[in-house]
C-alpha atoms as a PDB file:
ATOM      1  CA  MET A   1      -0.291  11.056   2.710  1.00  0.00           C
ATOM      2  CA  ASN A   2       2.949  12.894   3.191  1.00  0.00           C
ATOM      3  CA  LEU A   3       5.373  10.859   5.272  1.00  0.00           C
ATOM      4  CA  LYS A   4       6.708  14.011   6.916  1.00  0.00           C
ATOM      5  CA  ALA A   5       3.228  14.719   8.315  1.00  0.00           C
ATOM      6  CA  LYS A   6       3.408  11.633  10.539  1.00  0.00           C
ATOM      7  CA  ILE A   7       4.726  13.643  13.498  1.00  0.00           C
ATOM      8  CA  TYR A   8       1.914  16.185  13.215  1.00  0.00           C
ATOM      9  CA  VAL A   9      -0.781  13.522  12.974  1.00  0.00           C
ATOM     10  CA  GLU A  10       0.610  11.757  16.035  1.00  0.00           C
ATOM     11  CA  ASN A  11       0.511  15.067  17.937  1.00  0.00           C
ATOM     12  CA  GLN A  12      -3.081  15.688  16.824  1.00  0.00           C
ATOM     13  CA  LYS A  13      -4.076  12.229  18.009  1.00  0.00           C
ATOM     14  CA  LYS A  14      -2.364  12.760  21.363  1.00  0.00           C
ATOM     15  CA  THR A  15      -4.122  16.096  21.948  1.00  0.00           C
ATOM     16  CA  ALA A  16      -7.486  14.613  20.937  1.00  0.00           C
ATOM     17  CA  HIS A  17      -6.973  11.800  23.466  1.00  0.00           C
ATOM     18  CA  GLY A  18      -6.200  14.370  26.161  1.00  0.00           C
ATOM     19  CA  LYS A  19      -9.275  16.463  25.336  1.00  0.00           C
ATOM     20  CA  LEU A  20     -11.436  13.332  25.225  1.00  0.00           C
ATOM     21  CA  ALA A  21     -10.255  12.206  28.655  1.00  0.00           C
ATOM     22  CA  ALA A  22     -10.894  15.681  30.067  1.00  0.00           C
ATOM     23  CA  ARG A  23     -14.379  15.842  28.554  1.00  0.00           C
ATOM     24  CA  LEU A  24     -15.257  12.349  29.822  1.00  0.00           C
ATOM     25  CA  ALA A  25     -14.094  13.295  33.305  1.00  0.00           C
ATOM     26  CA  PHE A  26     -16.156  16.499  33.170  1.00  0.00           C
ATOM     27  CA  LEU A  27     -19.306  14.678  32.045  1.00  0.00           C
ATOM     28  CA  ASN A  28     -18.860  11.920  34.653  1.00  0.00           C
ATOM     29  CA  GLU A  29     -18.367  14.567  37.334  1.00  0.00           C
ATOM     30  CA  LYS A  30     -21.530  16.251  36.143  1.00  0.00           C
ATOM     31  CA  GLY A  31     -23.371  12.967  36.767  1.00  0.00           C
ATOM     32  CA  LEU A  32     -24.485  12.012  33.257  1.00  0.00           C
ATOM     33  CA  ASP A  33     -25.203   8.386  32.381  1.00  0.00           C
ATOM     34  CA  GLY A  34     -23.380   6.410  29.632  1.00  0.00           C
ATOM     35  CA  GLY A  35     -26.016   7.024  26.942  1.00  0.00           C
ATOM     36  CA  ALA A  36     -25.923  10.784  27.412  1.00  0.00           C
ATOM     37  CA  ILE A  37     -22.135  10.754  27.329  1.00  0.00           C
ATOM     38  CA  GLN A  38     -22.142   8.784  24.054  1.00  0.00           C
ATOM     39  CA  ARG A  39     -24.532  11.321  22.490  1.00  0.00           C
ATOM     40  CA  ASP A  40     -22.459  14.327  23.535  1.00  0.00           C
ATOM     41  CA  SER A  41     -21.374  16.225  20.427  1.00  0.00           C
ATOM     42  CA  MET A  42     -17.868  17.024  21.714  1.00  0.00           C
ATOM     43  CA  ILE A  43     -17.254  13.369  22.554  1.00  0.00           C
ATOM     44  CA  ARG A  44     -18.359  12.302  19.076  1.00  0.00           C
ATOM     45  CA  LYS A  45     -16.206  14.979  17.451  1.00  0.00           C
ATOM     46  CA  LEU A  46     -13.094  13.993  19.425  1.00  0.00           C
ATOM     47  CA  ARG A  47     -13.583  10.301  18.655  1.00  0.00           C
ATOM     48  CA  ALA A  48     -13.930  11.185  14.970  1.00  0.00           C
ATOM     49  CA  GLU A  49     -10.643  13.095  15.105  1.00  0.00           C
ATOM     50  CA  ILE A  50      -8.963  10.059  16.677  1.00  0.00           C
ATOM     51  CA  ARG A  51     -10.395   7.775  13.960  1.00  0.00           C
ATOM     52  CA  LYS A  52      -9.121  10.131  11.236  1.00  0.00           C
ATOM     53  CA  ALA A  53      -5.680  10.252  12.826  1.00  0.00           C
ATOM     54  CA  ASN A  54      -5.581   6.444  13.045  1.00  0.00           C
ATOM     55  CA  TYR A  55      -6.536   6.177   9.371  1.00  0.00           C
ATOM     56  CA  ARG A  56      -3.842   8.655   8.355  1.00  0.00           C
ATOM     57  CA  LEU A  57      -1.213   6.861  10.425  1.00  0.00           C
ATOM     58  CA  THR A  58      -2.230   3.566   8.824  1.00  0.00           C
ATOM     59  CA  CYS A  59      -1.786   5.117   5.373  1.00  0.00           C
ATOM     60  CA  VAL A  60       1.637   6.461   6.347  1.00  0.00           C
ATOM     61  CA  ALA A  61       2.682   3.028   7.643  1.00  0.00           C
ATOM     62  CA  ALA A  62       1.532   1.388   4.411  1.00  0.00           C
ATOM     63  CA  GLN A  63       3.490   3.934   2.364  1.00  0.00           C
ATOM     64  CA  GLU A  64       6.607   3.380   4.479  1.00  0.00           C
ATOM     65  CA  LYS A  65       6.291  -0.383   3.995  1.00  0.00           C
ATOM     66  CA  LEU A  66       5.911   0.060   0.235  1.00  0.00           C
ATOM     67  CA  ASN A  67       8.954   2.325   0.105  1.00  0.00           C
ATOM     68  CA  ALA A  68      10.995  -0.218   2.079  1.00  0.00           C
ATOM     69  CA  GLU A  69       9.975  -3.017  -0.309  1.00  0.00           C
ATOM     70  CA  ARG A  70      10.899  -0.907  -3.334  1.00  0.00           C
ATOM     71  CA  LEU A  71      14.252  -0.039  -1.797  1.00  0.00           C
ATOM     72  CA  ALA A  72      14.959  -3.699  -1.045  1.00  0.00           C
ATOM     73  CA  ALA A  73      13.999  -4.697  -4.601  1.00  0.00           C
ATOM     74  CA  LYS A  74      16.225  -2.002  -6.070  1.00  0.00           C
ATOM     75  CA  LYS A  75      19.094  -3.088  -3.827  1.00  0.00           C
ATOM     76  CA  SER A  76      18.710  -6.751  -4.810  1.00  0.00           C
ATOM     77  CA  LEU A  77      18.802  -5.790  -8.493  1.00  0.00           C
ATOM     78  CA  ARG A  78      22.095  -3.968  -7.978  1.00  0.00           C
ATOM     79  CA  GLU A  79      23.639  -6.943  -6.176  1.00  0.00           C
ATOM     80  CA  ARG A  80      22.632  -9.458  -8.842  1.00  0.00           C
ATOM     81  CA  PRO A  81      25.448 -10.246 -11.320  1.00  0.00           C
ATOM     82  CA  PRO A  82      24.941  -8.977 -14.861  1.00  0.00           C
ATOM     83  CA  ALA A  83      23.416 -11.401 -17.327  1.00  0.00           C
ATOM     84  CA  GLU A  84      25.818 -13.103 -19.709  1.00  0.00           C
ATOM     85  CA  PRO A  85      25.353 -12.241 -23.370  1.00  0.00           C
ATOM     86  CA  VAL A  86      23.777 -14.927 -25.535  1.00  0.00           C
ATOM     87  CA  LYS A  87      26.407 -16.730 -27.593  1.00  0.00           C
ATOM     88  CA  GLU A  88      25.526 -17.356 -31.201  1.00  0.00           C
ATOM     89  CA  VAL A  89      26.198 -20.796 -32.612  1.00  0.00           C
ATOM     90  CA  PRO A  90      28.320 -20.560 -35.779  1.00  0.00           C
ATOM     91  CA  GLY A  91      26.697 -21.908 -38.905  1.00  0.00           C
ATOM     92  CA  LYS A  92      23.112 -21.061 -38.040  1.00  0.00           C
ATOM     93  CA  LYS A  93      21.601 -18.046 -39.670  1.00  0.00           C
ATOM     94  CA  GLY A  94      18.164 -17.012 -38.540  1.00  0.00           C
ATOM     95  CA  LYS A  95      15.083 -19.169 -38.414  1.00  0.00           C
ATOM     96  CA  LYS A  96      14.532 -22.098 -40.705  1.00  0.00           C
ATOM     97  CA  GLU A  97      11.579 -21.997 -42.983  1.00  0.00           C
ATOM     98  CA  LYS A  98       8.986 -24.653 -42.446  1.00  0.00           C
ATOM     99  CA  LYS A  99       8.311 -27.083 -45.239  1.00  0.00           C
ATOM    100  CA  LYS A 100       4.980 -26.464 -46.810  1.00  0.00           C
ATOM    101  CA  GLU A 101       2.616 -29.350 -46.507  1.00  0.00           C
ATOM    102  CA  PRO A 102       0.414 -30.007 -49.487  1.00  0.00           C
ATOM    103  CA  SER A 103      -3.069 -28.663 -49.054  1.00  0.00           C
ATOM    104  CA  PRO A 104      -5.996 -31.102 -48.798  1.00  0.00           C
ATOM    105  CA  ALA A 105      -7.253 -29.925 -52.218  1.00  0.00           C
ATOM    106  CA  SER A 106      -3.984 -30.860 -53.919  1.00  0.00           C
ATOM    107  CA  LYS A 107      -4.042 -34.287 -52.264  1.00  0.00           C
ATOM    108  CA  ALA A 108      -7.481 -34.910 -53.699  1.00  0.00           C
ATOM    109  CA  GLN A 109      -6.253 -34.158 -57.241  1.00  0.00           C
ATOM    110  CA  GLU A 110      -3.524 -36.790 -57.019  1.00  0.00           C
END
């Protein structure tokens, strides 16, 4: 989710809360019981909008946290001193070859 959309999602959530409160007040004033209010299509729709907004805000928060961790890691890499070059020991040239051990077949011939 786009981090710049956070403001818009927060506004959508706030308006959905306002509409939900107004609808609940209207239905209570009308005299409906709790079960009828829960089944009301507008109530269900507004609660779904709030759930979607919460999910989007959670995704934005996770992305912000990830970006902060990446920034901190990048900053710590810059502050770390450069690695010292490996010094070669004079007199050694490459890897030594291993001595070949006689095969079991050649031992049997002896």
